[in-house]
Amino acid sequence: MSATDTAELRRRFRTLHQTGIFVMPNPWDVGSARLLEVVGFPALATTSSGLGAALGRDDQTVGRDELVRHVAELTAAVGIPVSVDAECAFPREPGGVAETVRMLADAGASGVSIEDFDPVAGEVLALERASEAVGQAVEAAARHGLVVTARAENHLYDRDDLDDTVRRLRAYVAAGADAVYAPGLTDADDIARLVAEAGAPVNVLALPGAPSVPELGRLGVRRVSTGGGLTWTAYGALVDAARTLLDEGRYAFLEHGLDPEVRARAFG
């Protein structure tokens, strides 16, 4: 893809955040990315847990170079913007957060998310340190036009302190983040508070019990993503089909295969 094409995708991705609501699902490999593009989504995002699963590993075990190769493969395979789940942006790797963002930009990313949970330390970062990392990501991303999403991970790690979440997201916006994300929230009132107080477009993770996309739109949410949800749904269907084959010797799963027309459009 040419530099002009990449710049146009980044412009389109930024524009998506200006009005209305859009869904940005998370593929885990090239095939799933192509299928999601064919279905009609306007943008995609990587998933750290889905990529880990595709490699036969757990979440938060993929290295920076592996992630960059994955992003390069996805951006070469689709013609829509791809944002990147960069976890905490590998601050301990050479060049730290800024170099991670540069590498992802060179791989064709249109956006990058940085979260405030450090998997090495096993803790949510102190606010000052997390805000500094967001600022580093923003400065590096500005050279390439990437949209930076800052994530507050409180609610994924049993820290259900909405006041602290709002405080964190506001600090990340002050550090230059273009969008914010607090995965784990499902209560409409909590989500509405984020929209009202964060000061930037809000992403919501699709979870059981969360408001529907139209409902989230009415709350003012700009973006909905699926995280590893589609990965686990696909893998769950695979295991169910395999168990039926192994335990019962039946082929009923073949009745629910991918539509040949969709398959041809994605892979033909």
C-alpha atoms as a PDB file:
ATOM      1  CA  MET A   1       0.000   0.000   0.000  1.00  0.00           C
ATOM      2  CA  SER A   2       1.356   3.416  -0.921  1.00  0.00           C
ATOM      3  CA  ALA A   3       2.011   6.197   1.564  1.00  0.00           C
ATOM      4  CA  THR A   4      -0.867   8.124  -0.011  1.00  0.00           C
ATOM      5  CA  ASP A   5      -3.266   5.209   0.513  1.00  0.00           C
ATOM      6  CA  THR A   6      -2.156   4.817   4.124  1.00  0.00           C
ATOM      7  CA  ALA A   7      -2.615   8.527   4.786  1.00  0.00           C
ATOM      8  CA  GLU A   8      -6.129   8.360   3.348  1.00  0.00           C
ATOM      9  CA  LEU A   9      -7.039   5.413   5.587  1.00  0.00           C
ATOM     10  CA  ARG A  10      -5.793   7.330   8.614  1.00  0.00           C
ATOM     11  CA  ARG A  11      -7.862  10.350   7.590  1.00  0.00           C
ATOM     12  CA  ARG A  12     -10.932   8.128   7.199  1.00  0.00           C
ATOM     13  CA  PHE A  13     -10.353   6.543  10.593  1.00  0.00           C
ATOM     14  CA  ARG A  14     -10.096   9.907  12.320  1.00  0.00           C
ATOM     15  CA  THR A  15     -13.252  11.113  10.550  1.00  0.00           C
ATOM     16  CA  LEU A  16     -15.207   8.104  11.835  1.00  0.00           C
ATOM     17  CA  HIS A  17     -14.791   9.460  15.369  1.00  0.00           C
ATOM     18  CA  GLN A  18     -16.377  12.828  14.650  1.00  0.00           C
ATOM     19  CA  THR A  19     -20.098  12.002  14.550  1.00  0.00           C
ATOM     20  CA  GLY A  20     -22.411   9.055  15.100  1.00  0.00           C
ATOM     21  CA  ILE A  21     -21.331   5.590  16.179  1.00  0.00           C
ATOM     22  CA  PHE A  22     -19.461   2.830  14.374  1.00  0.00           C
ATOM     23  CA  VAL A  23     -18.540  -0.766  15.160  1.00  0.00           C
ATOM     24  CA  MET A  24     -14.892  -1.780  14.896  1.00  0.00           C
ATOM     25  CA  PRO A  25     -14.614  -5.576  15.314  1.00  0.00           C
ATOM     26  CA  ASN A  26     -11.391  -7.341  16.226  1.00  0.00           C
ATOM     27  CA  PRO A  27     -10.060 -10.010  13.829  1.00  0.00           C
ATOM     28  CA  TRP A  28      -7.358 -12.387  14.992  1.00  0.00           C
ATOM     29  CA  ASP A  29      -5.756 -13.296  11.646  1.00  0.00           C
ATOM     30  CA  VAL A  30      -5.769 -12.343   7.972  1.00  0.00           C
ATOM     31  CA  GLY A  31      -8.713 -14.588   7.121  1.00  0.00           C
ATOM     32  CA  SER A  32     -10.971 -13.172   9.797  1.00  0.00           C
ATOM     33  CA  ALA A  33      -9.909  -9.639   8.823  1.00  0.00           C
ATOM     34  CA  ARG A  34     -10.880 -10.197   5.210  1.00  0.00           C
ATOM     35  CA  LEU A  35     -14.220 -11.679   6.201  1.00  0.00           C
ATOM     36  CA  LEU A  36     -15.033  -8.729   8.450  1.00  0.00           C
ATOM     37  CA  GLU A  37     -14.136  -6.316   5.687  1.00  0.00           C
ATOM     38  CA  VAL A  38     -16.386  -8.174   3.230  1.00  0.00           C
ATOM     39  CA  VAL A  39     -19.256  -8.078   5.731  1.00  0.00           C
ATOM     40  CA  GLY A  40     -19.015  -4.295   5.589  1.00  0.00           C
ATOM     41  CA  PHE A  41     -17.331  -2.880   8.701  1.00  0.00           C
ATOM     42  CA  PRO A  42     -15.617   0.489   8.190  1.00  0.00           C
ATOM     43  CA  ALA A  43     -12.545  -0.269  10.332  1.00  0.00           C
ATOM     44  CA  LEU A  44     -10.891  -3.099  12.243  1.00  0.00           C
ATOM     45  CA  ALA A  45      -8.730  -3.439  15.339  1.00  0.00           C
ATOM     46  CA  THR A  46      -6.350  -6.132  16.449  1.00  0.00           C
ATOM     47  CA  THR A  47      -6.941  -8.096  19.648  1.00  0.00           C
ATOM     48  CA  SER A  48      -4.109  -9.115  21.938  1.00  0.00           C
ATOM     49  CA  SER A  49      -6.013 -12.109  23.324  1.00  0.00           C
ATOM     50  CA  GLY A  50      -7.147 -13.200  19.859  1.00  0.00           C
ATOM     51  CA  LEU A  51      -3.653 -12.948  18.425  1.00  0.00           C
ATOM     52  CA  GLY A  52      -2.291 -14.874  21.375  1.00  0.00           C
ATOM     53  CA  ALA A  53      -4.876 -17.606  20.782  1.00  0.00           C
ATOM     54  CA  ALA A  54      -4.039 -17.748  17.064  1.00  0.00           C
ATOM     55  CA  LEU A  55      -0.442 -18.415  18.094  1.00  0.00           C
ATOM     56  CA  GLY A  56      -1.515 -21.013  20.658  1.00  0.00           C
ATOM     57  CA  ARG A  57      -0.681 -18.771  23.609  1.00  0.00           C
ATOM     58  CA  ASP A  58      -2.380 -16.759  26.339  1.00  0.00           C
ATOM     59  CA  ASP A  59      -3.103 -13.030  26.292  1.00  0.00           C
ATOM     60  CA  GLN A  60      -0.238 -10.630  27.060  1.00  0.00           C
ATOM     61  CA  THR A  61       2.413 -13.060  25.781  1.00  0.00           C
ATOM     62  CA  VAL A  62       2.911 -11.698  22.245  1.00  0.00           C
ATOM     63  CA  GLY A  63       6.143  -9.789  21.709  1.00  0.00           C
ATOM     64  CA  ARG A  64       6.483  -6.438  20.000  1.00  0.00           C
ATOM     65  CA  ASP A  65       8.065  -7.803  16.829  1.00  0.00           C
ATOM     66  CA  GLU A  66       5.327 -10.446  16.565  1.00  0.00           C
ATOM     67  CA  LEU A  67       2.648  -7.772  16.905  1.00  0.00           C
ATOM     68  CA  VAL A  68       4.265  -5.572  14.264  1.00  0.00           C
ATOM     69  CA  ARG A  69       4.425  -8.486  11.798  1.00  0.00           C
ATOM     70  CA  HIS A  70       0.770  -9.251  12.494  1.00  0.00           C
ATOM     71  CA  VAL A  71      -0.239  -5.641  11.848  1.00  0.00           C
ATOM     72  CA  ALA A  72       1.747  -5.527   8.613  1.00  0.00           C
ATOM     73  CA  GLU A  73      -0.025  -8.694   7.427  1.00  0.00           C
ATOM     74  CA  LEU A  74      -3.475  -7.312   8.244  1.00  0.00           C
ATOM     75  CA  THR A  75      -2.930  -3.889   6.694  1.00  0.00           C
ATOM     76  CA  ALA A  76      -1.586  -5.527   3.525  1.00  0.00           C
ATOM     77  CA  ALA A  77      -4.654  -7.786   3.323  1.00  0.00           C
ATOM     78  CA  VAL A  78      -7.491  -5.261   3.764  1.00  0.00           C
ATOM     79  CA  GLY A  79      -8.412  -1.865   2.395  1.00  0.00           C
ATOM     80  CA  ILE A  80      -9.928  -0.360   5.538  1.00  0.00           C
ATOM     81  CA  PRO A  81      -8.264   1.261   8.572  1.00  0.00           C
ATOM     82  CA  VAL A  82      -6.676  -1.005  11.185  1.00  0.00           C
ATOM     83  CA  SER A  83      -6.157   0.156  14.752  1.00  0.00           C
ATOM     84  CA  VAL A  84      -3.797  -1.750  17.032  1.00  0.00           C
ATOM     85  CA  ASP A  85      -4.248  -3.125  20.529  1.00  0.00           C
ATOM     86  CA  ALA A  86      -0.690  -2.399  21.666  1.00  0.00           C
ATOM     87  CA  GLU A  87      -1.316  -3.347  25.331  1.00  0.00           C
ATOM     88  CA  CYS A  88       0.973  -1.000  27.321  1.00  0.00           C
ATOM     89  CA  ALA A  89       3.090  -0.362  24.182  1.00  0.00           C
ATOM     90  CA  PHE A  90       6.110  -2.373  25.347  1.00  0.00           C
ATOM     91  CA  PRO A  91       7.857   0.312  27.420  1.00  0.00           C
ATOM     92  CA  ARG A  92      10.747  -2.032  28.277  1.00  0.00           C
ATOM     93  CA  GLU A  93      11.640  -2.766  24.651  1.00  0.00           C
ATOM     94  CA  PRO A  94      14.349  -0.649  22.950  1.00  0.00           C
ATOM     95  CA  GLY A  95      12.992   2.829  22.287  1.00  0.00           C
ATOM     96  CA  GLY A  96      10.024   2.206  24.549  1.00  0.00           C
ATOM     97  CA  VAL A  97       6.519   3.456  23.815  1.00  0.00           C
ATOM     98  CA  ALA A  98       7.569   5.934  21.127  1.00  0.00           C
ATOM     99  CA  GLU A  99       9.447   3.304  19.136  1.00  0.00           C
ATOM    100  CA  THR A 100       6.509   0.903  19.393  1.00  0.00           C
ATOM    101  CA  VAL A 101       4.189   3.521  17.914  1.00  0.00           C
ATOM    102  CA  ARG A 102       6.678   4.276  15.132  1.00  0.00           C
ATOM    103  CA  MET A 103       6.990   0.587  14.253  1.00  0.00           C
ATOM    104  CA  LEU A 104       3.218   0.168  14.144  1.00  0.00           C
ATOM    105  CA  ALA A 105       2.885   3.255  11.968  1.00  0.00           C
ATOM    106  CA  ASP A 106       5.459   1.833   9.571  1.00  0.00           C
ATOM    107  CA  ALA A 107       3.425  -1.387   9.520  1.00  0.00           C
ATOM    108  CA  GLY A 108       0.431   0.570   8.217  1.00  0.00           C
ATOM    109  CA  ALA A 109      -1.661   1.104  11.346  1.00  0.00           C
ATOM    110  CA  SER A 110      -4.269   3.863  11.384  1.00  0.00           C
ATOM    111  CA  GLY A 111      -4.596   3.948  15.156  1.00  0.00           C
ATOM    112  CA  VAL A 112      -3.061   2.578  18.324  1.00  0.00           C
ATOM    113  CA  SER A 113      -4.427   1.961  21.802  1.00  0.00           C
ATOM    114  CA  ILE A 114      -2.308   2.085  24.924  1.00  0.00           C
ATOM    115  CA  GLU A 115      -3.504   0.735  28.247  1.00  0.00           C
ATOM    116  CA  ASP A 116      -2.515   1.518  31.822  1.00  0.00           C
ATOM    117  CA  PHE A 117      -2.050  -2.068  33.004  1.00  0.00           C
ATOM    118  CA  ASP A 118       1.527  -3.338  33.094  1.00  0.00           C
ATOM    119  CA  PRO A 119       1.512  -7.145  32.604  1.00  0.00           C
ATOM    120  CA  VAL A 120       5.134  -7.446  33.733  1.00  0.00           C
ATOM    121  CA  ALA A 121       4.495  -5.707  37.036  1.00  0.00           C
ATOM    122  CA  GLY A 122       0.988  -7.177  37.207  1.00  0.00           C
ATOM    123  CA  GLU A 123      -0.632  -3.911  38.221  1.00  0.00           C
ATOM    124  CA  VAL A 124      -2.486  -0.859  36.993  1.00  0.00           C
ATOM    125  CA  LEU A 125       0.062   1.927  36.660  1.00  0.00           C
ATOM    126  CA  ALA A 126       0.066   4.999  38.861  1.00  0.00           C
ATOM    127  CA  LEU A 127      -1.784   7.810  37.113  1.00  0.00           C
ATOM    128  CA  GLU A 128       1.270  10.037  36.594  1.00  0.00           C
ATOM    129  CA  ARG A 129       3.268   7.233  35.002  1.00  0.00           C
ATOM    130  CA  ALA A 130       0.343   6.131  32.827  1.00  0.00           C
ATOM    131  CA  SER A 131      -0.297   9.697  31.652  1.00  0.00           C
ATOM    132  CA  GLU A 132       3.374  10.068  30.747  1.00  0.00           C
ATOM    133  CA  ALA A 133       3.183   6.932  28.594  1.00  0.00           C
ATOM    134  CA  VAL A 134       0.072   8.244  26.845  1.00  0.00           C
ATOM    135  CA  GLY A 135       1.893  11.495  26.147  1.00  0.00           C
ATOM    136  CA  GLN A 136       4.808   9.609  24.618  1.00  0.00           C
ATOM    137  CA  ALA A 137       2.422   7.643  22.394  1.00  0.00           C
ATOM    138  CA  VAL A 138       0.615  10.825  21.329  1.00  0.00           C
ATOM    139  CA  GLU A 139       3.846  12.604  20.421  1.00  0.00           C
ATOM    140  CA  ALA A 140       5.039   9.669  18.327  1.00  0.00           C
ATOM    141  CA  ALA A 141       1.633   9.129  16.700  1.00  0.00           C
ATOM    142  CA  ALA A 142       1.330  12.784  15.701  1.00  0.00           C
ATOM    143  CA  ARG A 143       4.205  12.354  13.244  1.00  0.00           C
ATOM    144  CA  HIS A 144       2.115   9.817  11.322  1.00  0.00           C
ATOM    145  CA  GLY A 145      -1.497  10.911  11.853  1.00  0.00           C
ATOM    146  CA  LEU A 146      -2.485   7.918  13.983  1.00  0.00           C
ATOM    147  CA  VAL A 147      -5.522   8.061  16.280  1.00  0.00           C
ATOM    148  CA  VAL A 148      -4.436   7.336  19.868  1.00  0.00           C
ATOM    149  CA  THR A 149      -6.889   5.590  22.178  1.00  0.00           C
ATOM    150  CA  ALA A 150      -6.034   5.574  25.888  1.00  0.00           C
ATOM    151  CA  ARG A 151      -7.439   2.739  27.983  1.00  0.00           C
ATOM    152  CA  ALA A 152      -8.237   2.623  31.708  1.00  0.00           C
ATOM    153  CA  GLU A 153      -8.083  -1.034  32.718  1.00  0.00           C
ATOM    154  CA  ASN A 154      -9.574  -0.716  36.221  1.00  0.00           C
ATOM    155  CA  HIS A 155     -12.710  -2.731  35.527  1.00  0.00           C
ATOM    156  CA  LEU A 156     -10.848  -5.699  34.038  1.00  0.00           C
ATOM    157  CA  TYR A 157      -8.803  -6.061  37.233  1.00  0.00           C
ATOM    158  CA  ASP A 158     -11.451  -5.824  39.973  1.00  0.00           C
ATOM    159  CA  ARG A 159     -10.939  -2.101  40.557  1.00  0.00           C
ATOM    160  CA  ASP A 160     -14.535  -0.987  40.126  1.00  0.00           C
ATOM    161  CA  ASP A 161     -13.842   2.623  40.996  1.00  0.00           C
ATOM    162  CA  LEU A 162     -15.644   4.679  38.374  1.00  0.00           C
ATOM    163  CA  ASP A 163     -14.420   7.955  39.879  1.00  0.00           C
ATOM    164  CA  ASP A 164     -10.827   6.824  39.382  1.00  0.00           C
ATOM    165  CA  THR A 165     -11.624   5.622  35.853  1.00  0.00           C
ATOM    166  CA  VAL A 166     -13.059   9.021  34.910  1.00  0.00           C
ATOM    167  CA  ARG A 167     -10.101  10.776  36.520  1.00  0.00           C
ATOM    168  CA  ARG A 168      -7.702   8.612  34.528  1.00  0.00           C
ATOM    169  CA  LEU A 169      -9.452   9.093  31.211  1.00  0.00           C
ATOM    170  CA  ARG A 170      -9.587  12.857  31.678  1.00  0.00           C
ATOM    171  CA  ALA A 171      -5.850  12.859  32.431  1.00  0.00           C
ATOM    172  CA  TYR A 172      -5.160  10.822  29.291  1.00  0.00           C
ATOM    173  CA  VAL A 173      -7.193  13.263  27.199  1.00  0.00           C
ATOM    174  CA  ALA A 174      -5.179  16.085  28.751  1.00  0.00           C
ATOM    175  CA  ALA A 175      -2.056  14.199  27.627  1.00  0.00           C
ATOM    176  CA  GLY A 176      -3.388  14.276  24.065  1.00  0.00           C
ATOM    177  CA  ALA A 177      -5.392  11.059  23.605  1.00  0.00           C
ATOM    178  CA  ASP A 178      -7.888  11.226  20.734  1.00  0.00           C
ATOM    179  CA  ALA A 179     -10.287   8.616  22.170  1.00  0.00           C
ATOM    180  CA  VAL A 180     -10.769   6.779  25.449  1.00  0.00           C
ATOM    181  CA  TYR A 181     -11.809   3.292  26.482  1.00  0.00           C
ATOM    182  CA  ALA A 182     -12.680   1.653  29.802  1.00  0.00           C
ATOM    183  CA  PRO A 183     -13.284  -2.016  28.941  1.00  0.00           C
ATOM    184  CA  GLY A 184     -15.521  -3.938  31.302  1.00  0.00           C
ATOM    185  CA  LEU A 185     -18.299  -1.396  31.805  1.00  0.00           C
ATOM    186  CA  THR A 186     -21.823  -2.546  30.935  1.00  0.00           C
ATOM    187  CA  ASP A 187     -24.103  -0.256  32.947  1.00  0.00           C
ATOM    188  CA  ALA A 188     -25.749   2.410  30.798  1.00  0.00           C
ATOM    189  CA  ASP A 189     -25.483   5.078  33.499  1.00  0.00           C
ATOM    190  CA  ASP A 190     -21.757   4.419  33.952  1.00  0.00           C
ATOM    191  CA  ILE A 191     -21.182   4.602  30.209  1.00  0.00           C
ATOM    192  CA  ALA A 192     -23.222   7.808  29.955  1.00  0.00           C
ATOM    193  CA  ARG A 193     -21.044   9.344  32.663  1.00  0.00           C
ATOM    194  CA  LEU A 194     -17.896   8.510  30.682  1.00  0.00           C
ATOM    195  CA  VAL A 195     -19.371  10.126  27.600  1.00  0.00           C
ATOM    196  CA  ALA A 196     -20.319  13.238  29.552  1.00  0.00           C
ATOM    197  CA  GLU A 197     -17.074  13.643  31.495  1.00  0.00           C
ATOM    198  CA  ALA A 198     -14.179  12.067  29.598  1.00  0.00           C
ATOM    199  CA  GLY A 199     -13.770  14.867  27.083  1.00  0.00           C
ATOM    200  CA  ALA A 200     -13.074  12.658  24.054  1.00  0.00           C
ATOM    201  CA  PRO A 201     -14.862  10.022  21.927  1.00  0.00           C
ATOM    202  CA  VAL A 202     -15.626   6.910  23.975  1.00  0.00           C
ATOM    203  CA  ASN A 203     -15.135   3.290  22.895  1.00  0.00           C
ATOM    204  CA  VAL A 204     -17.225   0.570  24.559  1.00  0.00           C
ATOM    205  CA  LEU A 205     -16.441  -3.141  24.594  1.00  0.00           C
ATOM    206  CA  ALA A 206     -19.262  -5.437  23.485  1.00  0.00           C
ATOM    207  CA  LEU A 207     -20.032  -7.649  26.488  1.00  0.00           C
ATOM    208  CA  PRO A 208     -22.996  -9.681  27.744  1.00  0.00           C
ATOM    209  CA  GLY A 209     -25.408  -7.288  29.420  1.00  0.00           C
ATOM    210  CA  ALA A 210     -24.038  -4.191  27.712  1.00  0.00           C
ATOM    211  CA  PRO A 211     -26.441  -1.891  25.846  1.00  0.00           C
ATOM    212  CA  SER A 212     -26.936  -2.641  22.155  1.00  0.00           C
ATOM    213  CA  VAL A 213     -25.142  -0.593  19.523  1.00  0.00           C
ATOM    214  CA  PRO A 214     -28.219   1.613  18.865  1.00  0.00           C
ATOM    215  CA  GLU A 215     -28.615   2.164  22.605  1.00  0.00           C
ATOM    216  CA  LEU A 216     -24.941   3.073  22.939  1.00  0.00           C
ATOM    217  CA  GLY A 217     -25.376   5.504  20.070  1.00  0.00           C
ATOM    218  CA  ARG A 218     -28.171   7.229  21.948  1.00  0.00           C
ATOM    219  CA  LEU A 219     -25.835   7.521  24.954  1.00  0.00           C
ATOM    220  CA  GLY A 220     -23.303   9.338  22.784  1.00  0.00           C
ATOM    221  CA  VAL A 221     -20.776   6.515  22.414  1.00  0.00           C
ATOM    222  CA  ARG A 222     -18.683   6.865  19.256  1.00  0.00           C
ATOM    223  CA  ARG A 223     -17.167   3.402  18.841  1.00  0.00           C
ATOM    224  CA  VAL A 224     -17.880  -0.214  19.775  1.00  0.00           C
ATOM    225  CA  SER A 225     -15.286  -2.989  19.614  1.00  0.00           C
ATOM    226  CA  THR A 226     -15.422  -6.712  20.329  1.00  0.00           C
ATOM    227  CA  GLY A 227     -12.029  -7.468  21.874  1.00  0.00           C
ATOM    228  CA  GLY A 228     -11.449 -11.213  21.872  1.00  0.00           C
ATOM    229  CA  GLY A 229     -15.188 -11.910  21.697  1.00  0.00           C
ATOM    230  CA  LEU A 230     -15.306 -12.940  18.048  1.00  0.00           C
ATOM    231  CA  THR A 231     -12.219 -15.116  18.495  1.00  0.00           C
ATOM    232  CA  TRP A 232     -13.767 -17.046  21.359  1.00  0.00           C
ATOM    233  CA  THR A 233     -17.080 -17.340  19.501  1.00  0.00           C
ATOM    234  CA  ALA A 234     -15.343 -18.826  16.466  1.00  0.00           C
ATOM    235  CA  TYR A 235     -13.184 -21.130  18.567  1.00  0.00           C
ATOM    236  CA  GLY A 236     -16.226 -22.169  20.594  1.00  0.00           C
ATOM    237  CA  ALA A 237     -18.075 -23.125  17.399  1.00  0.00           C
ATOM    238  CA  LEU A 238     -15.046 -25.140  16.298  1.00  0.00           C
ATOM    239  CA  VAL A 239     -14.892 -27.063  19.579  1.00  0.00           C
ATOM    240  CA  ASP A 240     -18.648 -27.718  19.573  1.00  0.00           C
ATOM    241  CA  ALA A 241     -18.447 -29.060  16.019  1.00  0.00           C
ATOM    242  CA  ALA A 242     -15.414 -31.185  16.839  1.00  0.00           C
ATOM    243  CA  ARG A 243     -17.098 -32.687  19.892  1.00  0.00           C
ATOM    244  CA  THR A 244     -20.167 -33.562  17.847  1.00  0.00           C
ATOM    245  CA  LEU A 245     -17.936 -35.290  15.318  1.00  0.00           C
ATOM    246  CA  LEU A 246     -15.847 -37.075  17.933  1.00  0.00           C
ATOM    247  CA  ASP A 247     -18.601 -38.080  20.356  1.00  0.00           C
ATOM    248  CA  GLU A 248     -21.523 -38.685  17.994  1.00  0.00           C
ATOM    249  CA  GLY A 249     -19.921 -39.206  14.610  1.00  0.00           C
ATOM    250  CA  ARG A 250     -22.328 -36.697  13.020  1.00  0.00           C
ATOM    251  CA  TYR A 251     -21.582 -33.957  10.502  1.00  0.00           C
ATOM    252  CA  ALA A 252     -24.296 -31.496  11.468  1.00  0.00           C
ATOM    253  CA  PHE A 253     -21.716 -28.724  11.732  1.00  0.00           C
ATOM    254  CA  LEU A 254     -21.400 -28.734   7.949  1.00  0.00           C
ATOM    255  CA  GLU A 255     -24.870 -27.193   7.745  1.00  0.00           C
ATOM    256  CA  HIS A 256     -23.541 -24.032   9.399  1.00  0.00           C
ATOM    257  CA  GLY A 257     -20.446 -23.405   7.317  1.00  0.00           C
ATOM    258  CA  LEU A 258     -19.373 -20.126   5.784  1.00  0.00           C
ATOM    259  CA  ASP A 259     -21.591 -18.889   2.946  1.00  0.00           C
ATOM    260  CA  PRO A 260     -19.739 -19.820  -0.298  1.00  0.00           C
ATOM    261  CA  GLU A 261     -20.433 -16.367  -1.755  1.00  0.00           C
ATOM    262  CA  VAL A 262     -18.886 -14.633   1.237  1.00  0.00           C
ATOM    263  CA  ARG A 263     -15.967 -17.038   1.136  1.00  0.00           C
ATOM    264  CA  ALA A 264     -15.383 -16.308  -2.547  1.00  0.00           C
ATOM    265  CA  ARG A 265     -15.478 -12.548  -1.974  1.00  0.00           C
ATOM    266  CA  ALA A 266     -13.024 -12.769   0.932  1.00  0.00           C
ATOM    267  CA  PHE A 267     -10.630 -15.376  -0.398  1.00  0.00           C
ATOM    268  CA  GLY A 268     -11.290 -15.743  -4.119  1.00  0.00           C
END
